[in-house]
N, C-alpha and C. Protein backbone atom coordinates (compact mmCIF):
# COMPACT_ATOMS: atom_id res chain seq x y z
N MET A 1 -41.08 -7.88 6.80
CA MET A 1 -40.20 -7.68 7.88
C MET A 1 -39.78 -8.79 8.44
N PRO A 2 -38.53 -8.68 8.81
CA PRO A 2 -37.68 -10.01 9.35
C PRO A 2 -38.45 -10.60 10.66
N LYS A 3 -38.09 -11.91 10.83
CA LYS A 3 -38.34 -12.47 12.00
C LYS A 3 -37.65 -12.06 12.82
N GLN A 4 -37.90 -11.82 14.38
CA GLN A 4 -36.98 -11.26 15.47
C GLN A 4 -36.87 -12.99 16.54
N LEU A 5 -35.67 -13.24 16.75
CA LEU A 5 -35.68 -14.22 17.33
C LEU A 5 -35.23 -13.57 18.82
N ASN A 6 -35.77 -14.19 20.08
CA ASN A 6 -35.71 -13.43 21.07
C ASN A 6 -34.65 -14.67 21.68
N GLU A 7 -34.34 -14.20 23.05
CA GLU A 7 -33.30 -14.97 23.89
C GLU A 7 -33.58 -16.46 24.16
N ALA A 8 -35.12 -16.28 24.63
CA ALA A 8 -35.35 -18.19 24.86
C ALA A 8 -35.52 -18.71 23.52
N LYS A 9 -35.67 -18.25 22.44
CA LYS A 9 -35.88 -19.23 21.06
C LYS A 9 -34.54 -19.53 20.95
N LEU A 10 -33.44 -19.02 21.19
CA LEU A 10 -32.14 -19.07 21.06
C LEU A 10 -31.47 -20.15 21.90
N ASN A 11 -30.98 -21.48 21.44
CA ASN A 11 -30.79 -22.55 22.28
C ASN A 11 -29.58 -22.29 23.10
N GLU A 12 -29.39 -22.82 24.38
CA GLU A 12 -28.40 -22.58 25.02
C GLU A 12 -27.06 -23.11 24.34
N THR A 13 -27.31 -24.21 23.78
CA THR A 13 -25.94 -24.89 23.14
C THR A 13 -25.18 -24.29 22.15
N PHE A 14 -26.21 -23.41 21.17
CA PHE A 14 -25.94 -22.61 20.21
C PHE A 14 -25.18 -21.45 20.74
N LEU A 15 -25.73 -20.73 21.94
CA LEU A 15 -25.50 -19.59 22.62
C LEU A 15 -24.04 -19.96 23.26
N LYS A 16 -23.45 -20.85 23.50
CA LYS A 16 -22.24 -21.74 23.91
C LYS A 16 -21.19 -21.93 22.92
N ASP A 17 -21.56 -22.32 21.50
CA ASP A 17 -20.96 -22.49 20.48
C ASP A 17 -20.38 -21.00 20.07
N VAL A 18 -21.79 -19.85 19.73
CA VAL A 18 -21.05 -18.38 19.30
C VAL A 18 -19.92 -17.77 20.86
N GLU A 19 -19.88 -18.45 21.78
CA GLU A 19 -19.50 -17.39 23.21
C GLU A 19 -17.94 -18.26 22.58
N LYS A 20 -17.76 -19.52 22.28
CA LYS A 20 -16.57 -20.38 22.07
C LYS A 20 -16.11 -19.73 21.07
N ALA A 21 -16.55 -19.51 19.73
CA ALA A 21 -16.08 -18.82 19.09
C ALA A 21 -15.70 -17.16 19.08
N PHE A 22 -16.29 -16.81 19.86
CA PHE A 22 -15.61 -15.06 20.48
C PHE A 22 -14.61 -15.34 20.93
N ASN A 23 -14.38 -16.43 21.89
CA ASN A 23 -12.98 -16.41 22.47
C ASN A 23 -11.92 -16.92 21.35
N ALA A 24 -12.60 -17.83 20.99
CA ALA A 24 -11.16 -18.47 20.12
C ALA A 24 -10.61 -17.21 19.01
N LEU A 25 -11.68 -16.51 18.53
CA LEU A 25 -11.05 -15.45 17.37
C LEU A 25 -10.42 -14.06 18.17
N GLU A 26 -10.86 -14.10 19.90
CA GLU A 26 -10.03 -12.97 20.15
C GLU A 26 -8.84 -13.54 20.60
N LYS A 27 -8.79 -15.04 21.25
CA LYS A 27 -7.35 -15.41 21.66
C LYS A 27 -6.44 -15.47 20.30
N ALA A 28 -7.08 -15.80 19.17
CA ALA A 28 -5.88 -15.78 17.60
C ALA A 28 -5.72 -14.38 17.26
N GLY A 29 -6.41 -13.15 18.23
CA GLY A 29 -6.01 -11.90 17.77
C GLY A 29 -6.57 -11.16 16.65
N GLN A 30 -7.88 -12.03 16.32
CA GLN A 30 -8.85 -11.62 15.00
C GLN A 30 -9.61 -10.64 15.37
N LYS A 31 -10.48 -9.89 14.66
CA LYS A 31 -11.53 -9.13 14.67
C LYS A 31 -12.90 -9.68 15.08
N VAL A 32 -13.54 -9.91 16.15
CA VAL A 32 -14.66 -10.52 16.41
C VAL A 32 -15.83 -9.69 15.16
N THR A 33 -16.14 -10.56 14.10
CA THR A 33 -17.47 -10.10 13.74
C THR A 33 -18.92 -11.41 13.35
N VAL A 34 -19.75 -10.83 12.96
CA VAL A 34 -20.67 -11.56 12.92
C VAL A 34 -20.43 -12.64 11.59
N GLN A 35 -19.39 -12.34 10.64
CA GLN A 35 -19.22 -13.08 9.80
C GLN A 35 -18.10 -14.11 10.30
N ALA A 36 -17.17 -13.74 11.09
CA ALA A 36 -16.32 -14.43 11.31
C ALA A 36 -16.69 -15.36 12.67
N ILE A 37 -17.77 -15.53 13.19
CA ILE A 37 -18.08 -16.36 14.01
C ILE A 37 -19.12 -17.02 12.99
N ARG A 38 -19.88 -16.56 12.10
CA ARG A 38 -20.80 -17.40 11.65
C ARG A 38 -19.84 -18.56 10.77
N GLU A 39 -18.99 -18.29 10.29
CA GLU A 39 -17.44 -19.45 9.64
C GLU A 39 -17.50 -20.24 10.62
N GLN A 40 -17.34 -20.11 11.68
CA GLN A 40 -16.97 -20.93 12.98
C GLN A 40 -18.15 -21.79 13.59
N THR A 41 -19.48 -21.14 13.46
CA THR A 41 -20.24 -21.82 14.27
C THR A 41 -21.60 -22.54 12.96
N GLY A 42 -21.18 -21.66 11.99
CA GLY A 42 -22.57 -22.14 10.64
C GLY A 42 -23.96 -21.51 11.23
N GLY A 43 -25.02 -21.85 10.62
CA GLY A 43 -26.18 -21.36 10.81
C GLY A 43 -26.45 -19.90 9.82
N SER A 44 -27.53 -19.35 9.92
CA SER A 44 -28.03 -18.18 9.03
C SER A 44 -27.70 -16.72 10.14
N MET A 45 -27.44 -15.92 9.24
CA MET A 45 -27.09 -14.52 9.90
C MET A 45 -28.73 -14.04 10.94
N THR A 46 -29.71 -14.59 10.44
CA THR A 46 -31.16 -14.09 11.25
C THR A 46 -31.00 -14.90 12.91
N LYS A 47 -30.16 -16.00 12.81
CA LYS A 47 -30.02 -16.54 14.25
C LYS A 47 -28.87 -16.13 14.69
N ILE A 48 -27.97 -15.87 13.74
CA ILE A 48 -26.37 -15.55 14.66
C ILE A 48 -26.33 -14.15 14.93
N CYS A 49 -26.95 -13.25 14.53
CA CYS A 49 -27.00 -11.90 14.89
C CYS A 49 -27.37 -11.81 16.54
N PRO A 50 -28.46 -12.57 16.33
CA PRO A 50 -28.98 -11.79 17.95
C PRO A 50 -28.40 -12.72 18.68
N ALA A 51 -27.39 -13.61 18.30
CA ALA A 51 -27.08 -14.53 19.37
C ALA A 51 -25.59 -13.96 19.98
N VAL A 52 -25.02 -13.18 18.92
CA VAL A 52 -23.89 -12.30 18.85
C VAL A 52 -24.07 -10.90 20.06
N ARG A 53 -25.19 -10.96 19.68
CA ARG A 53 -25.44 -9.54 20.44
C ARG A 53 -25.80 -9.82 22.01
N ILE A 54 -26.21 -10.92 22.12
CA ILE A 54 -26.46 -11.94 23.41
C ILE A 54 -25.49 -12.19 24.16
N VAL A 55 -24.61 -12.55 23.29
CA VAL A 55 -22.81 -13.15 23.87
C VAL A 55 -22.42 -11.54 24.30
N ARG A 56 -22.62 -10.60 23.34
CA ARG A 56 -21.98 -9.42 24.06
C ARG A 56 -22.41 -8.68 24.56
N ASP A 57 -23.81 -8.69 25.12
CA ASP A 57 -24.33 -7.77 26.51
C ASP A 57 -23.69 -8.77 27.41
N GLN A 58 -23.85 -10.48 27.81
CA GLN A 58 -23.74 -10.60 28.50
C GLN A 58 -22.11 -10.47 28.77
N ARG A 59 -21.21 -10.45 27.94
CA ARG A 59 -19.62 -10.58 28.26
C ARG A 59 -19.51 -8.98 28.83
N GLU A 60 -20.01 -7.92 28.74
CA GLU A 60 -20.30 -6.55 28.82
C GLU A 60 -21.07 -6.32 30.20
N SER A 61 -21.62 -7.01 30.57
CA SER A 61 -22.30 -7.19 32.22
C SER A 61 -21.65 -7.62 33.06
N LYS A 62 -20.89 -8.97 32.43
CA LYS A 62 -19.69 -9.60 33.23
C LYS A 62 -18.20 -8.60 33.85
N ARG A 63 -18.14 -7.93 32.59
CA ARG A 63 -17.01 -7.39 32.89
C ARG A 63 -17.46 -6.28 33.75
N ARG A 64 -18.63 -5.63 33.68
CA ARG A 64 -18.76 -4.17 34.61
C ARG A 64 -19.35 -5.05 36.27
N GLU A 65 -19.91 -5.86 36.03
CA GLU A 65 -19.69 -6.67 37.28
C GLU A 65 -18.11 -6.62 38.07
N ALA A 66 -17.80 -7.43 37.47
CA ALA A 66 -16.17 -7.68 37.83
C ALA A 66 -15.46 -6.11 38.23
N GLU A 67 -15.62 -5.20 37.66
CA GLU A 67 -15.09 -3.86 37.90
C GLU A 67 -15.64 -3.28 38.96
N ALA A 68 -17.28 -3.35 39.16
CA ALA A 68 -17.37 -2.83 40.24
C ALA A 68 -16.97 -2.74 41.35
N VAL A 69 -16.71 -1.70 41.94
CA VAL A 69 -15.73 -1.59 43.79
C VAL A 69 -17.44 -1.84 44.78
N PRO A 70 -16.96 -2.67 45.55
CA PRO A 70 -18.36 -2.60 46.78
C PRO A 70 -17.90 -1.28 47.56
N ASP A 71 -18.52 -0.82 48.38
CA ASP A 71 -18.52 0.01 48.99
C ASP A 71 -17.39 -0.37 50.20
N MET A 72 -17.05 0.66 50.76
CA MET A 72 -15.97 0.59 51.95
C MET A 72 -16.31 0.59 53.27
N PRO A 73 -16.52 -0.57 54.16
CA PRO A 73 -16.47 -0.72 55.68
C PRO A 73 -16.32 0.28 56.25
N GLU A 74 -16.90 0.85 57.52
CA GLU A 74 -16.57 2.18 57.93
C GLU A 74 -15.18 1.91 58.68
N GLU A 75 -15.23 0.58 59.67
CA GLU A 75 -14.01 0.45 60.16
C GLU A 75 -13.03 1.22 59.16
N VAL A 76 -12.65 0.44 57.77
CA VAL A 76 -11.62 0.36 56.80
C VAL A 76 -11.55 2.03 56.52
N ARG A 77 -12.55 2.38 56.50
CA ARG A 77 -12.57 3.93 55.96
C ARG A 77 -11.70 4.82 56.92
N GLU A 78 -12.23 4.52 58.11
CA GLU A 78 -11.73 5.10 59.43
C GLU A 78 -10.07 5.00 59.63
N ALA A 79 -9.58 3.66 59.43
CA ALA A 79 -8.58 3.16 59.41
C ALA A 79 -7.56 4.12 58.22
N PHE A 80 -7.93 3.96 57.05
CA PHE A 80 -7.41 4.33 56.02
C PHE A 80 -7.21 6.55 56.37
N GLU A 81 -8.16 6.63 56.96
CA GLU A 81 -8.21 8.58 57.25
C GLU A 81 -6.83 8.84 58.05
N ALA A 82 -6.83 7.64 59.05
CA ALA A 82 -5.64 7.68 59.82
C ALA A 82 -4.09 7.75 59.23
N ALA A 83 -4.12 6.41 58.78
CA ALA A 83 -3.40 6.20 57.73
C ALA A 83 -2.70 7.61 56.91
N TRP A 84 -3.72 8.17 56.23
CA TRP A 84 -3.55 8.96 54.78
C TRP A 84 -3.33 10.32 56.10
N VAL A 85 -3.47 10.74 57.39
CA VAL A 85 -3.54 11.99 57.78
C VAL A 85 -2.01 11.38 58.53
N GLN A 86 -1.41 10.64 58.66
CA GLN A 86 0.14 10.26 59.13
C GLN A 86 1.12 10.41 58.21
N THR A 87 0.66 9.46 56.91
CA THR A 87 1.41 9.52 55.77
C THR A 87 1.64 11.21 55.31
N TYR A 88 0.64 11.78 54.81
CA TYR A 88 0.76 13.01 54.91
C TYR A 88 1.52 14.08 55.49
N ARG A 89 1.79 13.73 56.83
CA ARG A 89 2.64 14.40 57.90
C ARG A 89 3.91 14.01 57.49
N VAL A 90 4.37 12.94 57.47
CA VAL A 90 5.55 12.29 57.08
C VAL A 90 5.85 12.69 55.61
N ALA A 91 4.98 12.64 54.95
CA ALA A 91 5.83 12.98 53.09
C ALA A 91 6.00 14.46 53.55
N ASP A 92 5.28 15.40 54.19
CA ASP A 92 5.13 17.12 53.97
C ASP A 92 6.44 17.19 54.98
N THR A 93 7.23 16.67 56.15
CA THR A 93 8.39 16.28 56.37
C THR A 93 9.35 16.50 55.23
N SER A 94 9.03 15.31 54.58
CA SER A 94 10.47 14.68 53.85
C SER A 94 10.10 15.70 52.50
N ALA A 95 9.39 16.14 52.46
CA ALA A 95 9.27 17.04 50.88
C ALA A 95 9.67 18.50 51.60
N ALA A 96 9.93 18.87 52.44
CA ALA A 96 10.50 20.37 52.76
C ALA A 96 11.96 19.69 52.91
N ASP A 97 12.41 18.82 53.58
CA ASP A 97 13.85 18.21 53.46
C ASP A 97 14.11 18.69 51.90
N ALA A 98 13.59 17.37 51.12
CA ALA A 98 13.81 17.46 49.67
C ALA A 98 13.88 18.77 48.78
N ARG A 99 13.02 19.43 49.58
CA ARG A 99 13.02 20.81 48.10
C ARG A 99 14.61 21.47 48.82
N LYS A 100 14.87 21.37 49.98
CA LYS A 100 16.17 22.20 49.97
C LYS A 100 16.95 21.67 49.45
N SER A 101 17.38 20.26 49.51
CA SER A 101 18.33 19.68 48.72
C SER A 101 18.63 19.97 47.25
N PHE A 102 17.11 20.01 46.73
CA PHE A 102 16.93 19.99 45.64
C PHE A 102 17.18 20.95 44.71
N THR A 103 17.58 22.31 45.17
CA THR A 103 18.40 23.61 45.09
C THR A 103 19.94 22.84 44.60
N ASP A 104 20.71 22.62 45.19
CA ASP A 104 22.04 21.82 45.34
C ASP A 104 21.68 21.44 44.20
N GLN A 105 20.94 20.35 44.13
CA GLN A 105 21.05 19.06 43.25
C GLN A 105 20.85 19.63 41.54
N ILE A 106 20.13 20.70 41.29
CA ILE A 106 19.57 21.51 40.10
C ILE A 106 20.66 22.00 39.63
N ALA A 107 21.79 22.94 40.83
CA ALA A 107 22.45 23.53 40.58
C ALA A 107 23.67 22.55 40.08
N ALA A 108 24.16 21.69 40.53
CA ALA A 108 25.03 20.46 39.96
C ALA A 108 24.67 19.87 38.85
N LYS A 109 23.41 19.52 38.39
CA LYS A 109 23.01 19.28 37.13
C LYS A 109 23.30 20.06 36.21
N ASP A 110 22.61 21.56 36.69
CA ASP A 110 22.97 22.41 35.33
C ASP A 110 24.56 22.61 35.19
N ALA A 111 25.50 22.40 36.31
CA ALA A 111 27.01 22.77 35.88
C ALA A 111 27.21 21.47 34.97
N ASP A 112 26.67 20.07 35.39
CA ASP A 112 27.04 19.15 34.37
C ASP A 112 26.38 19.15 33.12
N ILE A 113 25.71 19.84 32.75
CA ILE A 113 25.16 20.09 31.46
C ILE A 113 25.75 21.09 30.66
N GLU A 114 26.04 22.36 31.31
CA GLU A 114 26.87 22.83 30.30
C GLU A 114 27.97 22.49 30.00
N GLU A 115 28.79 21.72 31.06
CA GLU A 115 29.83 21.10 30.72
C GLU A 115 29.99 20.03 29.46
N TYR A 116 28.54 19.14 29.86
CA TYR A 116 28.56 18.13 28.54
C TYR A 116 28.33 19.12 27.43
N GLU A 117 27.44 19.93 27.25
CA GLU A 117 27.32 20.63 25.98
C GLU A 117 28.47 21.45 25.40
N THR A 118 29.45 22.15 26.34
CA THR A 118 30.56 22.99 25.87
C THR A 118 31.42 21.74 25.12
N VAL A 119 31.75 20.30 25.84
CA VAL A 119 32.23 18.84 25.30
C VAL A 119 31.79 18.70 23.95
N LEU A 120 30.19 18.57 23.72
CA LEU A 120 29.65 18.26 22.42
C LEU A 120 29.85 19.42 21.28
N PHE A 121 29.64 20.73 21.56
CA PHE A 121 29.95 21.79 20.75
C PHE A 121 31.47 21.48 20.34
N ALA A 122 32.42 20.97 21.27
CA ALA A 122 33.75 21.07 20.87
C ALA A 122 33.74 19.82 19.33
N LEU A 123 33.42 18.73 19.85
CA LEU A 123 33.09 17.83 19.50
C LEU A 123 32.25 17.73 17.67
N GLU A 124 31.10 18.60 17.93
CA GLU A 124 30.64 18.85 16.58
C GLU A 124 31.49 19.43 15.70
N ALA A 125 32.29 20.78 16.28
CA ALA A 125 33.01 21.94 15.69
C ALA A 125 34.06 20.44 15.04
N GLU A 126 34.66 19.82 15.67
CA GLU A 126 36.08 19.08 15.19
C GLU A 126 35.54 17.92 14.28
N LYS A 127 34.16 17.28 14.27
CA LYS A 127 33.46 16.80 13.09
C LYS A 127 33.36 17.31 11.95
N GLU A 128 32.68 18.88 12.19
CA GLU A 128 32.74 19.61 10.97
C GLU A 128 33.99 19.89 10.22
N LYS A 129 34.81 19.97 11.15
CA LYS A 129 36.66 20.14 10.58
C LYS A 129 36.90 18.83 9.75
N LEU A 130 36.61 17.79 10.37
CA LEU A 130 37.41 16.29 9.82
C LEU A 130 36.42 16.21 8.44
N ALA A 131 34.90 16.50 8.67
CA ALA A 131 34.29 16.27 7.33
C ALA A 131 34.74 17.50 6.26
N SER A 132 35.29 18.37 6.56
CA SER A 132 35.64 19.69 5.50
C SER A 132 37.08 18.96 5.00
N GLU A 133 37.85 18.42 5.97
CA GLU A 133 39.11 18.08 5.45
C GLU A 133 39.11 16.62 4.35
N LEU A 134 38.15 15.48 5.17
CA LEU A 134 38.20 14.50 4.25
C LEU A 134 37.24 15.06 2.69
N LYS A 135 36.38 15.89 2.92
CA LYS A 135 35.76 16.12 1.33
C LYS A 135 36.84 16.64 0.64
N ALA A 136 37.65 17.68 0.99
CA ALA A 136 38.90 18.00 0.51
C ALA A 136 39.74 16.90 0.16
N ALA A 137 40.16 16.08 0.91
CA ALA A 137 41.23 14.89 0.37
C ALA A 137 40.72 14.18 -0.52
N LYS A 138 39.29 14.12 -0.57
CA LYS A 138 38.62 12.72 -1.52
C LYS A 138 38.40 13.61 -2.59
N ASP A 139 38.28 15.06 -3.03
CA ASP A 139 38.39 15.77 -3.97
C ASP A 139 39.88 15.90 -4.64
N ALA A 140 40.78 15.86 -3.96
CA ALA A 140 42.14 15.91 -4.16
C ALA A 140 42.58 14.79 -5.20
N GLU A 141 42.13 13.62 -4.08
CA GLU A 141 42.00 12.49 -4.75
C GLU A 141 41.42 12.11 -6.10
N HIS A 142 40.22 12.64 -6.04
CA HIS A 142 39.82 12.43 -7.65
C HIS A 142 40.39 13.27 -8.78
N GLU A 143 40.67 14.61 -8.34
CA GLU A 143 41.85 15.39 -9.36
C GLU A 143 42.91 14.60 -9.52
N ALA A 144 43.80 13.89 -8.50
CA ALA A 144 45.01 13.11 -8.67
C ALA A 144 44.77 12.04 -9.73
N ARG A 145 43.60 11.33 -9.53
CA ARG A 145 43.21 9.95 -10.61
C ARG A 145 43.30 10.51 -11.63
N LEU A 146 42.27 11.63 -12.19
CA LEU A 146 42.04 12.51 -13.17
C LEU A 146 43.32 12.65 -13.90
N SER A 147 44.38 13.33 -13.03
CA SER A 147 45.56 13.75 -14.03
C SER A 147 46.32 12.47 -14.30
N ALA A 148 46.34 11.21 -13.32
CA ALA A 148 47.02 10.16 -13.63
C ALA A 148 46.65 9.64 -15.11
N THR A 149 45.45 9.54 -15.14
CA THR A 149 44.79 9.16 -16.01
C THR A 149 44.81 9.80 -17.76
N LYS A 150 44.94 11.10 -17.24
CA LYS A 150 45.06 11.79 -18.53
C LYS A 150 46.75 11.42 -18.96
N LEU A 151 47.85 11.66 -17.95
CA LEU A 151 48.91 11.25 -18.17
C LEU A 151 49.34 10.07 -18.68
N GLU A 152 48.72 8.97 -18.44
CA GLU A 152 48.97 7.71 -18.96
C GLU A 152 48.25 7.94 -20.23
N GLY A 153 47.23 8.41 -20.83
CA GLY A 153 46.67 8.55 -22.41
C GLY A 153 48.25 8.64 -22.60
N LEU A 154 48.54 10.36 -22.26
CA LEU A 154 49.64 11.25 -23.21
C LEU A 154 50.86 10.12 -23.29
N LEU A 155 51.17 9.50 -22.15
CA LEU A 155 52.43 8.77 -22.12
C LEU A 155 51.87 7.66 -23.41
N GLY A 156 51.00 7.08 -23.24
CA GLY A 156 50.62 5.88 -24.17
C GLY A 156 50.75 6.46 -25.59
N GLN A 157 50.07 7.89 -26.06
CA GLN A 157 50.09 8.46 -27.40
C GLN A 157 51.66 8.67 -27.56
N TYR A 158 52.63 9.29 -26.63
CA TYR A 158 53.93 9.36 -27.08
C TYR A 158 54.59 7.82 -27.39
N GLU A 159 54.04 7.03 -26.76
CA GLU A 159 54.92 5.61 -26.80
C GLU A 159 54.47 5.32 -28.73
N ARG A 160 53.01 5.56 -28.88
CA ARG A 160 52.66 4.83 -29.98
C ARG A 160 53.32 5.98 -31.05
N ASP A 161 53.40 7.09 -31.10
CA ASP A 161 54.29 8.20 -31.79
C ASP A 161 55.49 7.91 -32.03
N LEU A 162 56.06 7.33 -30.76
CA LEU A 162 57.75 7.07 -30.72
C LEU A 162 57.85 5.30 -32.05
N GLN A 163 57.18 4.85 -31.56
CA GLN A 163 57.05 3.60 -32.61
C GLN A 163 56.68 3.93 -33.53
N VAL A 164 56.03 4.68 -34.28
CA VAL A 164 55.69 5.01 -36.09
C VAL A 164 57.09 6.04 -36.27
N ALA A 165 57.76 6.63 -35.14
CA ALA A 165 58.88 7.14 -35.82
C ALA A 165 59.94 6.45 -36.10
N ILE A 166 59.92 5.19 -34.77
CA ILE A 166 61.09 4.84 -35.37
C ILE A 166 60.92 3.59 -36.50
N GLY A 167 59.63 3.30 -37.05
CA GLY A 167 59.24 2.22 -37.95
C GLY A 167 59.74 3.20 -39.07
N LYS A 168 59.28 4.38 -39.18
CA LYS A 168 59.39 6.04 -40.34
C LYS A 168 60.88 5.63 -40.66
N LEU A 169 61.98 5.54 -39.37
CA LEU A 169 63.37 5.96 -39.41
C LEU A 169 64.34 4.61 -39.99
N GLU A 170 63.64 3.18 -39.54
CA GLU A 170 64.06 1.91 -40.31
C GLU A 170 63.62 1.85 -41.86
N GLU A 171 62.18 2.46 -42.07
CA GLU A 171 62.03 2.41 -43.53
C GLU A 171 63.25 3.63 -44.32
N ARG A 172 63.25 4.59 -43.82
CA ARG A 172 64.18 5.62 -44.33
C ARG A 172 65.30 5.21 -44.46
N ASP A 173 66.14 4.06 -43.51
CA ASP A 173 67.20 3.35 -43.48
C ASP A 173 67.22 2.48 -44.44
N MET A 174 66.35 1.86 -44.80
CA MET A 174 66.70 0.46 -45.82
C MET A 174 66.56 0.98 -46.99
N ILE A 175 65.33 2.12 -47.58
CA ILE A 175 66.02 3.19 -48.88
C ILE A 175 66.77 3.65 -48.91
N LEU A 176 67.57 4.13 -47.67
CA LEU A 176 69.29 4.89 -47.80
C LEU A 176 69.46 3.68 -48.27
N SER A 177 70.14 2.33 -47.44
CA SER A 177 70.69 1.50 -47.75
C SER A 177 70.95 1.16 -49.08
N ALA A 178 69.74 1.27 -49.99
CA ALA A 178 70.07 0.77 -51.07
C ALA A 178 70.98 1.73 -52.03
N PHE A 179 70.56 3.10 -51.80
CA PHE A 179 71.83 3.86 -52.28
C PHE A 179 73.21 4.32 -51.83
N PHE A 180 73.19 3.65 -50.54
CA PHE A 180 74.75 3.60 -50.26
C PHE A 180 74.75 2.11 -49.33
N PRO A 181 75.29 1.43 -50.04
CA PRO A 181 75.49 0.45 -49.49
C PRO A 181 76.40 0.21 -48.35
N ASP A 182 77.14 1.15 -48.67
CA ASP A 182 78.48 1.05 -47.60
C ASP A 182 78.13 1.15 -46.04
N ARG A 183 77.13 2.19 -45.97
CA ARG A 183 76.65 2.88 -45.04
C ARG A 183 75.42 1.89 -44.23
N LYS A 184 76.02 2.03 -42.85
CA LYS A 184 75.15 0.95 -41.69
C LYS A 184 75.01 2.08 -40.54
């Protein structure tokens, strides 16, 4: 069974070192673990674990003490009750006036929303129309490029065929010029 250290056996300096390590880790945004504290303070786990537990308990106790609300003095409570009653009466009157004007404001906002929705629907329809036209234009452009490429290929083929035909005509003229030297 491992030895258990009690609070009396842990020296005050070591507890302060553990507290400093706690603060440094929290300030650095790191997770506070026994291993992380051990890396900063050194020492054995049997000494660090109880020290960490003690420091955590002390910090939790201080936090609870800081959050504890003292009882309210009777005079302050009576003053707050009187202020609360007066505030409630003023707020109730203001709320009644506000409820009357809210109906008109809500109707005006509903009309604004309806107008915005109409404009939005029109813009969405225009956007869809333009997107469709753009797609059709891109498709037409693609088809035109394909046709242009095809026609360029045909034109190139015709130019090569024409050069071959001219070459054959020149060859024929050379052969015929041997038989008919007078002709040119």
